[in-house]
Amino acid sequence: MQKPFITNQFMQFYNRQMEVNQAIIYGYGLLDYIDYVADTLQPEVGDMGLDLTLNYPLIRRALTRCLSYLDRTDTTLTEQDFAIFSAFLLREFRDLEQLIDDEFDEYGF
């Protein structure tokens, strides 16, 4: 992948080593990027492919939950919730990067 999901910046986000405002900005940028990837691949894989192959809805949900914790729009979320959602993202982004490298390299992500 030319622009991977798992970067030093993602690992800082994952490990909570960013200031909150910086993490929020980074998280929304990551959300935009995952939406872009999904929009680009949707004609190729269809809605079912986005759900089953790319796991897009769950990735998007986990990322928005992380952001809800960081920006305090959902005060019921805890540090443990963030850890669970971000661990899920780490695993899914690794799988997604591999899938893109194997199957969708021509898109130049």
PDB file of N, CA and C in Angstrom:
ATOM      1  N   MET A   1       0.840  -1.185   0.000  1.00  0.00           N
ATOM      2  CA  MET A   1       0.000   0.000   0.000  1.00  0.00           C
ATOM      3  C   MET A   1       0.881   1.243   0.000  1.00  0.00           C
ATOM      4  N   GLN A   2       0.485   2.206  -0.805  1.00  0.00           N
ATOM      5  CA  GLN A   2       1.236   3.452  -0.846  1.00  0.00           C
ATOM      6  C   GLN A   2       0.946   4.315   0.379  1.00  0.00           C
ATOM      7  N   LYS A   3      -0.287   4.267   0.857  1.00  0.00           N
ATOM      8  CA  LYS A   3      -0.663   5.024   2.053  1.00  0.00           C
ATOM      9  C   LYS A   3      -1.321   4.051   3.036  1.00  0.00           C
ATOM     10  N   PRO A   4      -0.510   3.365   3.833  1.00  0.00           N
ATOM     11  CA  PRO A   4      -1.060   2.347   4.723  1.00  0.00           C
ATOM     12  C   PRO A   4      -1.891   2.950   5.853  1.00  0.00           C
ATOM     13  N   PHE A   5      -2.717   2.116   6.434  1.00  0.00           N
ATOM     14  CA  PHE A   5      -3.496   2.526   7.603  1.00  0.00           C
ATOM     15  C   PHE A   5      -2.648   2.499   8.867  1.00  0.00           C
ATOM     16  N   ILE A   6      -1.809   1.465   8.970  1.00  0.00           N
ATOM     17  CA  ILE A   6      -0.966   1.309  10.149  1.00  0.00           C
ATOM     18  C   ILE A   6       0.331   2.084   9.919  1.00  0.00           C
ATOM     19  N   THR A   7       0.421   3.223  10.581  1.00  0.00           N
ATOM     20  CA  THR A   7       1.582   4.099  10.486  1.00  0.00           C
ATOM     21  C   THR A   7       2.047   4.423  11.896  1.00  0.00           C
ATOM     22  N   ASN A   8       3.154   5.135  11.988  1.00  0.00           N
ATOM     23  CA  ASN A   8       3.602   5.596  13.312  1.00  0.00           C
ATOM     24  C   ASN A   8       2.521   6.446  13.967  1.00  0.00           C
ATOM     25  N   GLN A   9       1.865   7.267  13.164  1.00  0.00           N
ATOM     26  CA  GLN A   9       0.807   8.120  13.701  1.00  0.00           C
ATOM     27  C   GLN A   9      -0.359   7.282  14.210  1.00  0.00           C
ATOM     28  N   PHE A  10      -0.725   6.215  13.478  1.00  0.00           N
ATOM     29  CA  PHE A  10      -1.796   5.351  13.965  1.00  0.00           C
ATOM     30  C   PHE A  10      -1.395   4.704  15.284  1.00  0.00           C
ATOM     31  N   MET A  11      -0.150   4.263  15.384  1.00  0.00           N
ATOM     32  CA  MET A  11       0.300   3.616  16.617  1.00  0.00           C
ATOM     33  C   MET A  11       0.290   4.601  17.787  1.00  0.00           C
ATOM     34  N   GLN A  12       0.567   5.866  17.527  1.00  0.00           N
ATOM     35  CA  GLN A  12       0.457   6.881  18.585  1.00  0.00           C
ATOM     36  C   GLN A  12      -1.001   7.050  18.993  1.00  0.00           C
ATOM     37  N   PHE A  13      -1.897   7.049  18.024  1.00  0.00           N
ATOM     38  CA  PHE A  13      -3.337   7.116  18.293  1.00  0.00           C
ATOM     39  C   PHE A  13      -3.752   5.899  19.116  1.00  0.00           C
ATOM     40  N   TYR A  14      -3.359   4.725  18.664  1.00  0.00           N
ATOM     41  CA  TYR A  14      -3.693   3.452  19.307  1.00  0.00           C
ATOM     42  C   TYR A  14      -3.190   3.406  20.752  1.00  0.00           C
ATOM     43  N   ASN A  15      -1.972   3.865  20.968  1.00  0.00           N
ATOM     44  CA  ASN A  15      -1.358   3.830  22.302  1.00  0.00           C
ATOM     45  C   ASN A  15      -1.681   5.052  23.158  1.00  0.00           C
ATOM     46  N   ARG A  16      -2.537   5.935  22.632  1.00  0.00           N
ATOM     47  CA  ARG A  16      -2.932   7.155  23.329  1.00  0.00           C
ATOM     48  C   ARG A  16      -1.732   8.037  23.666  1.00  0.00           C
ATOM     49  N   GLN A  17      -0.828   8.165  22.706  1.00  0.00           N
ATOM     50  CA  GLN A  17       0.367   8.974  22.870  1.00  0.00           C
ATOM     51  C   GLN A  17       0.254  10.318  22.163  1.00  0.00           C
ATOM     52  N   MET A  18      -0.952  10.663  21.743  1.00  0.00           N
ATOM     53  CA  MET A  18      -1.222  11.955  21.107  1.00  0.00           C
ATOM     54  C   MET A  18      -2.025  12.808  22.073  1.00  0.00           C
ATOM     55  N   GLU A  19      -1.877  14.105  21.938  1.00  0.00           N
ATOM     56  CA  GLU A  19      -2.787  14.991  22.653  1.00  0.00           C
ATOM     57  C   GLU A  19      -4.194  14.730  22.114  1.00  0.00           C
ATOM     58  N   VAL A  20      -5.190  14.941  22.933  1.00  0.00           N
ATOM     59  CA  VAL A  20      -6.557  14.605  22.559  1.00  0.00           C
ATOM     60  C   VAL A  20      -6.984  15.325  21.278  1.00  0.00           C
ATOM     61  N   ASN A  21      -6.733  16.616  21.188  1.00  0.00           N
ATOM     62  CA  ASN A  21      -7.152  17.352  19.982  1.00  0.00           C
ATOM     63  C   ASN A  21      -6.457  16.831  18.738  1.00  0.00           C
ATOM     64  N   GLN A  22      -5.176  16.500  18.854  1.00  0.00           N
ATOM     65  CA  GLN A  22      -4.438  15.944  17.726  1.00  0.00           C
ATOM     66  C   GLN A  22      -5.002  14.577  17.355  1.00  0.00           C
ATOM     67  N   ALA A  23      -5.343  13.770  18.349  1.00  0.00           N
ATOM     68  CA  ALA A  23      -5.916  12.437  18.088  1.00  0.00           C
ATOM     69  C   ALA A  23      -7.267  12.557  17.395  1.00  0.00           C
ATOM     70  N   ILE A  24      -8.066  13.528  17.794  1.00  0.00           N
ATOM     71  CA  ILE A  24      -9.371  13.739  17.167  1.00  0.00           C
ATOM     72  C   ILE A  24      -9.197  14.131  15.697  1.00  0.00           C
ATOM     73  N   ILE A  25      -8.296  15.056  15.429  1.00  0.00           N
ATOM     74  CA  ILE A  25      -8.038  15.477  14.048  1.00  0.00           C
ATOM     75  C   ILE A  25      -7.528  14.300  13.227  1.00  0.00           C
ATOM     76  N   TYR A  26      -6.593  13.551  13.786  1.00  0.00           N
ATOM     77  CA  TYR A  26      -6.066  12.383  13.088  1.00  0.00           C
ATOM     78  C   TYR A  26      -7.181  11.364  12.834  1.00  0.00           C
ATOM     79  N   GLY A  27      -7.998  11.103  13.833  1.00  0.00           N
ATOM     80  CA  GLY A  27      -9.071  10.123  13.712  1.00  0.00           C
ATOM     81  C   GLY A  27     -10.074  10.484  12.635  1.00  0.00           C
ATOM     82  N   TYR A  28     -10.434  11.755  12.559  1.00  0.00           N
ATOM     83  CA  TYR A  28     -11.370  12.168  11.499  1.00  0.00           C
ATOM     84  C   TYR A  28     -10.722  12.086  10.117  1.00  0.00           C
ATOM     85  N   GLY A  29      -9.420  12.346  10.034  1.00  0.00           N
ATOM     86  CA  GLY A  29      -8.717  12.162   8.768  1.00  0.00           C
ATOM     87  C   GLY A  29      -8.691  10.697   8.363  1.00  0.00           C
ATOM     88  N   LEU A  30      -8.489   9.822   9.340  1.00  0.00           N
ATOM     89  CA  LEU A  30      -8.510   8.385   9.075  1.00  0.00           C
ATOM     90  C   LEU A  30      -9.906   7.929   8.645  1.00  0.00           C
ATOM     91  N   LEU A  31     -10.914   8.503   9.273  1.00  0.00           N
ATOM     92  CA  LEU A  31     -12.298   8.197   8.895  1.00  0.00           C
ATOM     93  C   LEU A  31     -12.557   8.613   7.446  1.00  0.00           C
ATOM     94  N   ASP A  32     -12.092   9.786   7.066  1.00  0.00           N
ATOM     95  CA  ASP A  32     -12.234  10.230   5.674  1.00  0.00           C
ATOM     96  C   ASP A  32     -11.521   9.277   4.719  1.00  0.00           C
ATOM     97  N   TYR A  33     -10.339   8.807   5.109  1.00  0.00           N
ATOM     98  CA  TYR A  33      -9.575   7.914   4.248  1.00  0.00           C
ATOM     99  C   TYR A  33     -10.271   6.557   4.092  1.00  0.00           C
ATOM    100  N   ILE A  34     -10.783   5.998   5.168  1.00  0.00           N
ATOM    101  CA  ILE A  34     -11.476   4.710   5.069  1.00  0.00           C
ATOM    102  C   ILE A  34     -12.755   4.857   4.238  1.00  0.00           C
ATOM    103  N   ASP A  35     -13.436   5.999   4.362  1.00  0.00           N
ATOM    104  CA  ASP A  35     -14.611   6.251   3.522  1.00  0.00           C
ATOM    105  C   ASP A  35     -14.216   6.344   2.044  1.00  0.00           C
ATOM    106  N   TYR A  36     -13.095   7.000   1.776  1.00  0.00           N
ATOM    107  CA  TYR A  36     -12.596   7.119   0.401  1.00  0.00           C
ATOM    108  C   TYR A  36     -12.281   5.738  -0.179  1.00  0.00           C
ATOM    109  N   VAL A  37     -11.598   4.914   0.592  1.00  0.00           N
ATOM    110  CA  VAL A  37     -11.266   3.565   0.137  1.00  0.00           C
ATOM    111  C   VAL A  37     -12.545   2.780  -0.148  1.00  0.00           C
ATOM    112  N   ALA A  38     -13.506   2.855   0.758  1.00  0.00           N
ATOM    113  CA  ALA A  38     -14.771   2.140   0.568  1.00  0.00           C
ATOM    114  C   ALA A  38     -15.520   2.655  -0.654  1.00  0.00           C
ATOM    115  N   ASP A  39     -15.583   3.973  -0.825  1.00  0.00           N
ATOM    116  CA  ASP A  39     -16.269   4.546  -1.987  1.00  0.00           C
ATOM    117  C   ASP A  39     -15.593   4.131  -3.296  1.00  0.00           C
ATOM    118  N   THR A  40     -14.274   4.048  -3.276  1.00  0.00           N
ATOM    119  CA  THR A  40     -13.530   3.669  -4.470  1.00  0.00           C
ATOM    120  C   THR A  40     -13.738   2.197  -4.817  1.00  0.00           C
ATOM    121  N   LEU A  41     -13.774   1.342  -3.793  1.00  0.00           N
ATOM    122  CA  LEU A  41     -13.891  -0.092  -4.035  1.00  0.00           C
ATOM    123  C   LEU A  41     -15.331  -0.579  -4.167  1.00  0.00           C
ATOM    124  N   GLN A  42     -16.287   0.213  -3.753  1.00  0.00           N
ATOM    125  CA  GLN A  42     -17.691  -0.210  -3.777  1.00  0.00           C
ATOM    126  C   GLN A  42     -18.144  -0.664  -5.160  1.00  0.00           C
ATOM    127  N   PRO A  43     -17.820   0.047  -6.258  1.00  0.00           N
ATOM    128  CA  PRO A  43     -18.247  -0.449  -7.577  1.00  0.00           C
ATOM    129  C   PRO A  43     -17.655  -1.816  -7.918  1.00  0.00           C
ATOM    130  N   GLU A  44     -16.480  -2.100  -7.401  1.00  0.00           N
ATOM    131  CA  GLU A  44     -15.806  -3.375  -7.679  1.00  0.00           C
ATOM    132  C   GLU A  44     -16.379  -4.520  -6.845  1.00  0.00           C
ATOM    133  N   VAL A  45     -16.626  -4.259  -5.544  1.00  0.00           N
ATOM    134  CA  VAL A  45     -17.013  -5.349  -4.638  1.00  0.00           C
ATOM    135  C   VAL A  45     -18.477  -5.314  -4.235  1.00  0.00           C
ATOM    136  N   GLY A  46     -19.155  -4.197  -4.473  1.00  0.00           N
ATOM    137  CA  GLY A  46     -20.553  -4.063  -4.086  1.00  0.00           C
ATOM    138  C   GLY A  46     -20.716  -3.859  -2.587  1.00  0.00           C
ATOM    139  N   ASP A  47     -21.941  -3.618  -2.181  1.00  0.00           N
ATOM    140  CA  ASP A  47     -22.227  -3.377  -0.768  1.00  0.00           C
ATOM    141  C   ASP A  47     -21.911  -4.602   0.090  1.00  0.00           C
ATOM    142  N   MET A  48     -22.235  -5.772  -0.430  1.00  0.00           N
ATOM    143  CA  MET A  48     -21.966  -6.990   0.333  1.00  0.00           C
ATOM    144  C   MET A  48     -20.461  -7.194   0.505  1.00  0.00           C
ATOM    145  N   GLY A  49     -19.702  -6.878  -0.511  1.00  0.00           N
ATOM    146  CA  GLY A  49     -18.251  -6.978  -0.416  1.00  0.00           C
ATOM    147  C   GLY A  49     -17.671  -6.029   0.608  1.00  0.00           C
ATOM    148  N   LEU A  50     -18.243  -4.817   0.670  1.00  0.00           N
ATOM    149  CA  LEU A  50     -17.795  -3.872   1.691  1.00  0.00           C
ATOM    150  C   LEU A  50     -18.060  -4.422   3.085  1.00  0.00           C
ATOM    151  N   ASP A  51     -19.212  -5.067   3.236  1.00  0.00           N
ATOM    152  CA  ASP A  51     -19.581  -5.627   4.539  1.00  0.00           C
ATOM    153  C   ASP A  51     -18.741  -6.847   4.888  1.00  0.00           C
ATOM    154  N   LEU A  52     -18.660  -7.782   3.964  1.00  0.00           N
ATOM    155  CA  LEU A  52     -18.052  -9.076   4.270  1.00  0.00           C
ATOM    156  C   LEU A  52     -16.543  -9.117   4.054  1.00  0.00           C
ATOM    157  N   THR A  53     -16.085  -8.554   2.969  1.00  0.00           N
ATOM    158  CA  THR A  53     -14.668  -8.655   2.626  1.00  0.00           C
ATOM    159  C   THR A  53     -13.840  -7.581   3.320  1.00  0.00           C
ATOM    160  N   LEU A  54     -14.293  -6.343   3.222  1.00  0.00           N
ATOM    161  CA  LEU A  54     -13.533  -5.231   3.785  1.00  0.00           C
ATOM    162  C   LEU A  54     -13.880  -4.957   5.244  1.00  0.00           C
ATOM    163  N   ASN A  55     -15.009  -5.481   5.698  1.00  0.00           N
ATOM    164  CA  ASN A  55     -15.480  -5.250   7.067  1.00  0.00           C
ATOM    165  C   ASN A  55     -15.672  -3.750   7.343  1.00  0.00           C
ATOM    166  N   TYR A  56     -16.002  -3.027   6.299  1.00  0.00           N
ATOM    167  CA  TYR A  56     -16.106  -1.567   6.370  1.00  0.00           C
ATOM    168  C   TYR A  56     -17.066  -1.063   7.449  1.00  0.00           C
ATOM    169  N   PRO A  57     -18.285  -1.573   7.550  1.00  0.00           N
ATOM    170  CA  PRO A  57     -19.194  -1.009   8.557  1.00  0.00           C
ATOM    171  C   PRO A  57     -18.656  -1.144   9.990  1.00  0.00           C
ATOM    172  N   LEU A  58     -18.022  -2.269  10.283  1.00  0.00           N
ATOM    173  CA  LEU A  58     -17.502  -2.460  11.639  1.00  0.00           C
ATOM    174  C   LEU A  58     -16.264  -1.611  11.898  1.00  0.00           C
ATOM    175  N   ILE A  59     -15.417  -1.484  10.888  1.00  0.00           N
ATOM    176  CA  ILE A  59     -14.245  -0.611  11.027  1.00  0.00           C
ATOM    177  C   ILE A  59     -14.698   0.820  11.257  1.00  0.00           C
ATOM    178  N   ARG A  60     -15.652   1.254  10.457  1.00  0.00           N
ATOM    179  CA  ARG A  60     -16.140   2.628  10.590  1.00  0.00           C
ATOM    180  C   ARG A  60     -16.779   2.846  11.960  1.00  0.00           C
ATOM    181  N   ARG A  61     -17.539   1.880  12.426  1.00  0.00           N
ATOM    182  CA  ARG A  61     -18.193   1.985  13.731  1.00  0.00           C
ATOM    183  C   ARG A  61     -17.160   2.045  14.860  1.00  0.00           C
ATOM    184  N   ALA A  62     -16.142   1.192  14.794  1.00  0.00           N
ATOM    185  CA  ALA A  62     -15.112   1.195  15.835  1.00  0.00           C
ATOM    186  C   ALA A  62     -14.373   2.532  15.864  1.00  0.00           C
ATOM    187  N   LEU A  63     -14.070   3.070  14.700  1.00  0.00           N
ATOM    188  CA  LEU A  63     -13.367   4.351  14.649  1.00  0.00           C
ATOM    189  C   LEU A  63     -14.245   5.482  15.170  1.00  0.00           C
ATOM    190  N   THR A  64     -15.510   5.494  14.810  1.00  0.00           N
ATOM    191  CA  THR A  64     -16.394   6.553  15.317  1.00  0.00           C
ATOM    192  C   THR A  64     -16.591   6.429  16.837  1.00  0.00           C
ATOM    193  N   ARG A  65     -16.563   5.217  17.357  1.00  0.00           N
ATOM    194  CA  ARG A  65     -16.667   5.040  18.815  1.00  0.00           C
ATOM    195  C   ARG A  65     -15.405   5.562  19.508  1.00  0.00           C
ATOM    196  N   CYS A  66     -14.243   5.321  18.908  1.00  0.00           N
ATOM    197  CA  CYS A  66     -13.005   5.888  19.458  1.00  0.00           C
ATOM    198  C   CYS A  66     -13.097   7.413  19.490  1.00  0.00           C
ATOM    199  N   LEU A  67     -13.587   7.981  18.399  1.00  0.00           N
ATOM    200  CA  LEU A  67     -13.714   9.435  18.332  1.00  0.00           C
ATOM    201  C   LEU A  67     -14.752   9.954  19.324  1.00  0.00           C
ATOM    202  N   SER A  68     -15.822   9.215  19.524  1.00  0.00           N
ATOM    203  CA  SER A  68     -16.835   9.616  20.507  1.00  0.00           C
ATOM    204  C   SER A  68     -16.260   9.629  21.916  1.00  0.00           C
ATOM    205  N   TYR A  69     -15.366   8.702  22.193  1.00  0.00           N
ATOM    206  CA  TYR A  69     -14.701   8.698  23.492  1.00  0.00           C
ATOM    207  C   TYR A  69     -13.778   9.914  23.605  1.00  0.00           C
ATOM    208  N   LEU A  70     -12.983  10.162  22.563  1.00  0.00           N
ATOM    209  CA  LEU A  70     -12.000  11.242  22.628  1.00  0.00           C
ATOM    210  C   LEU A  70     -12.645  12.623  22.706  1.00  0.00           C
ATOM    211  N   ASP A  71     -13.693  12.837  21.924  1.00  0.00           N
ATOM    212  CA  ASP A  71     -14.305  14.177  21.930  1.00  0.00           C
ATOM    213  C   ASP A  71     -15.434  14.297  22.947  1.00  0.00           C
ATOM    214  N   ARG A  72     -15.635  13.214  23.715  1.00  0.00           N
ATOM    215  CA  ARG A  72     -16.593  13.193  24.827  1.00  0.00           C
ATOM    216  C   ARG A  72     -18.037  13.393  24.384  1.00  0.00           C
ATOM    217  N   THR A  73     -18.353  13.033  23.136  1.00  0.00           N
ATOM    218  CA  THR A  73     -19.745  13.106  22.704  1.00  0.00           C
ATOM    219  C   THR A  73     -20.552  11.942  23.261  1.00  0.00           C
ATOM    220  N   ASP A  74     -19.865  10.903  23.734  1.00  0.00           N
ATOM    221  CA  ASP A  74     -20.533   9.798  24.426  1.00  0.00           C
ATOM    222  C   ASP A  74     -19.804   9.581  25.744  1.00  0.00           C
ATOM    223  N   THR A  75     -20.357  10.132  26.793  1.00  0.00           N
ATOM    224  CA  THR A  75     -19.688  10.086  28.093  1.00  0.00           C
ATOM    225  C   THR A  75     -19.807   8.728  28.771  1.00  0.00           C
ATOM    226  N   THR A  76     -20.532   7.787  28.164  1.00  0.00           N
ATOM    227  CA  THR A  76     -20.613   6.451  28.753  1.00  0.00           C
ATOM    228  C   THR A  76     -19.426   5.583  28.356  1.00  0.00           C
ATOM    229  N   LEU A  77     -18.682   6.007  27.336  1.00  0.00           N
ATOM    230  CA  LEU A  77     -17.518   5.238  26.903  1.00  0.00           C
ATOM    231  C   LEU A  77     -16.356   5.444  27.864  1.00  0.00           C
ATOM    232  N   THR A  78     -15.588   4.386  28.070  1.00  0.00           N
ATOM    233  CA  THR A  78     -14.467   4.431  29.007  1.00  0.00           C
ATOM    234  C   THR A  78     -13.154   4.220  28.261  1.00  0.00           C
ATOM    235  N   GLU A  79     -12.069   4.350  28.986  1.00  0.00           N
ATOM    236  CA  GLU A  79     -10.742   4.067  28.436  1.00  0.00           C
ATOM    237  C   GLU A  79     -10.670   2.622  27.934  1.00  0.00           C
ATOM    238  N   GLN A  80     -11.333   1.719  28.632  1.00  0.00           N
ATOM    239  CA  GLN A  80     -11.359   0.316  28.194  1.00  0.00           C
ATOM    240  C   GLN A  80     -12.089   0.166  26.863  1.00  0.00           C
ATOM    241  N   ASP A  81     -13.174   0.904  26.692  1.00  0.00           N
ATOM    242  CA  ASP A  81     -13.878   0.873  25.409  1.00  0.00           C
ATOM    243  C   ASP A  81     -12.954   1.330  24.285  1.00  0.00           C
ATOM    244  N   PHE A  82     -12.238   2.426  24.531  1.00  0.00           N
ATOM    245  CA  PHE A  82     -11.293   2.910  23.524  1.00  0.00           C
ATOM    246  C   PHE A  82     -10.268   1.832  23.206  1.00  0.00           C
ATOM    247  N   ALA A  83      -9.742   1.173  24.227  1.00  0.00           N
ATOM    248  CA  ALA A  83      -8.734   0.125  24.027  1.00  0.00           C
ATOM    249  C   ALA A  83      -9.297  -1.024  23.192  1.00  0.00           C
ATOM    250  N   ILE A  84     -10.522  -1.411  23.461  1.00  0.00           N
ATOM    251  CA  ILE A  84     -11.148  -2.498  22.708  1.00  0.00           C
ATOM    252  C   ILE A  84     -11.355  -2.097  21.249  1.00  0.00           C
ATOM    253  N   PHE A  85     -11.931  -0.917  21.035  1.00  0.00           N
ATOM    254  CA  PHE A  85     -12.197  -0.469  19.667  1.00  0.00           C
ATOM    255  C   PHE A  85     -10.903  -0.248  18.883  1.00  0.00           C
ATOM    256  N   SER A  86      -9.892   0.330  19.525  1.00  0.00           N
ATOM    257  CA  SER A  86      -8.644   0.589  18.806  1.00  0.00           C
ATOM    258  C   SER A  86      -7.889  -0.713  18.528  1.00  0.00           C
ATOM    259  N   ALA A  87      -7.980  -1.695  19.415  1.00  0.00           N
ATOM    260  CA  ALA A  87      -7.358  -3.004  19.156  1.00  0.00           C
ATOM    261  C   ALA A  87      -8.041  -3.681  17.965  1.00  0.00           C
ATOM    262  N   PHE A  88      -9.354  -3.558  17.896  1.00  0.00           N
ATOM    263  CA  PHE A  88     -10.093  -4.082  16.749  1.00  0.00           C
ATOM    264  C   PHE A  88      -9.611  -3.399  15.467  1.00  0.00           C
ATOM    265  N   LEU A  89      -9.453  -2.071  15.521  1.00  0.00           N
ATOM    266  CA  LEU A  89      -8.984  -1.333  14.344  1.00  0.00           C
ATOM    267  C   LEU A  89      -7.598  -1.799  13.912  1.00  0.00           C
ATOM    268  N   LEU A  90      -6.709  -1.999  14.859  1.00  0.00           N
ATOM    269  CA  LEU A  90      -5.361  -2.448  14.527  1.00  0.00           C
ATOM    270  C   LEU A  90      -5.413  -3.768  13.766  1.00  0.00           C
ATOM    271  N   ARG A  91      -6.169  -4.713  14.261  1.00  0.00           N
ATOM    272  CA  ARG A  91      -6.286  -6.016  13.601  1.00  0.00           C
ATOM    273  C   ARG A  91      -6.929  -5.877  12.222  1.00  0.00           C
ATOM    274  N   GLU A  92      -8.019  -5.145  12.156  1.00  0.00           N
ATOM    275  CA  GLU A  92      -8.733  -5.007  10.885  1.00  0.00           C
ATOM    276  C   GLU A  92      -7.923  -4.232   9.852  1.00  0.00           C
ATOM    277  N   PHE A  93      -7.219  -3.195  10.277  1.00  0.00           N
ATOM    278  CA  PHE A  93      -6.404  -2.434   9.329  1.00  0.00           C
ATOM    279  C   PHE A  93      -5.259  -3.283   8.791  1.00  0.00           C
ATOM    280  N   ARG A  94      -4.672  -4.139   9.608  1.00  0.00           N
ATOM    281  CA  ARG A  94      -3.629  -5.047   9.110  1.00  0.00           C
ATOM    282  C   ARG A  94      -4.205  -5.971   8.039  1.00  0.00           C
ATOM    283  N   ASP A  95      -5.365  -6.530   8.323  1.00  0.00           N
ATOM    284  CA  ASP A  95      -6.010  -7.418   7.345  1.00  0.00           C
ATOM    285  C   ASP A  95      -6.391  -6.661   6.081  1.00  0.00           C
ATOM    286  N   LEU A  96      -6.910  -5.459   6.246  1.00  0.00           N
ATOM    287  CA  LEU A  96      -7.328  -4.658   5.096  1.00  0.00           C
ATOM    288  C   LEU A  96      -6.134  -4.272   4.233  1.00  0.00           C
ATOM    289  N   GLU A  97      -5.025  -3.894   4.866  1.00  0.00           N
ATOM    290  CA  GLU A  97      -3.825  -3.570   4.095  1.00  0.00           C
ATOM    291  C   GLU A  97      -3.375  -4.764   3.263  1.00  0.00           C
ATOM    292  N   GLN A  98      -3.389  -5.946   3.861  1.00  0.00           N
ATOM    293  CA  GLN A  98      -2.983  -7.153   3.143  1.00  0.00           C
ATOM    294  C   GLN A  98      -3.940  -7.440   1.982  1.00  0.00           C
ATOM    295  N   LEU A  99      -5.223  -7.307   2.233  1.00  0.00           N
ATOM    296  CA  LEU A  99      -6.221  -7.535   1.185  1.00  0.00           C
ATOM    297  C   LEU A  99      -6.030  -6.559   0.026  1.00  0.00           C
ATOM    298  N   ILE A 100      -5.809  -5.298   0.340  1.00  0.00           N
ATOM    299  CA  ILE A 100      -5.613  -4.295  -0.714  1.00  0.00           C
ATOM    300  C   ILE A 100      -4.346  -4.607  -1.500  1.00  0.00           C
ATOM    301  N   ASP A 101      -3.266  -4.969  -0.796  1.00  0.00           N
ATOM    302  CA  ASP A 101      -2.022  -5.325  -1.495  1.00  0.00           C
ATOM    303  C   ASP A 101      -2.230  -6.524  -2.411  1.00  0.00           C
ATOM    304  N   ASP A 102      -3.001  -7.505  -1.956  1.00  0.00           N
ATOM    305  CA  ASP A 102      -3.202  -8.742  -2.727  1.00  0.00           C
ATOM    306  C   ASP A 102      -4.208  -8.589  -3.860  1.00  0.00           C
ATOM    307  N   GLU A 103      -5.281  -7.834  -3.626  1.00  0.00           N
ATOM    308  CA  GLU A 103      -6.401  -7.830  -4.561  1.00  0.00           C
ATOM    309  C   GLU A 103      -6.676  -6.494  -5.258  1.00  0.00           C
ATOM    310  N   PHE A 104      -6.286  -5.391  -4.648  1.00  0.00           N
ATOM    311  CA  PHE A 104      -6.689  -4.082  -5.173  1.00  0.00           C
ATOM    312  C   PHE A 104      -5.513  -3.124  -5.332  1.00  0.00           C
ATOM    313  N   ASP A 105      -4.344  -3.652  -5.572  1.00  0.00           N
ATOM    314  CA  ASP A 105      -3.146  -2.843  -5.664  1.00  0.00           C
ATOM    315  C   ASP A 105      -3.232  -1.807  -6.785  1.00  0.00           C
ATOM    316  N   GLU A 106      -3.980  -2.131  -7.827  1.00  0.00           N
ATOM    317  CA  GLU A 106      -4.074  -1.221  -8.974  1.00  0.00           C
ATOM    318  C   GLU A 106      -4.755   0.105  -8.651  1.00  0.00           C
ATOM    319  N   TYR A 107      -5.436   0.173  -7.512  1.00  0.00           N
ATOM    320  CA  TYR A 107      -6.110   1.428  -7.132  1.00  0.00           C
ATOM    321  C   TYR A 107      -5.157   2.433  -6.521  1.00  0.00           C
ATOM    322  N   GLY A 108      -3.964   2.000  -6.143  1.00  0.00           N
ATOM    323  CA  GLY A 108      -2.939   2.925  -5.669  1.00  0.00           C
ATOM    324  C   GLY A 108      -3.169   3.496  -4.286  1.00  0.00           C
ATOM    325  N   PHE A 109      -3.827   2.743  -3.434  1.00  0.00           N
ATOM    326  CA  PHE A 109      -4.049   3.235  -2.060  1.00  0.00           C
ATOM    327  C   PHE A 109      -2.750   3.222  -1.287  1.00  0.00           C
TER     328      PHE A 109
END
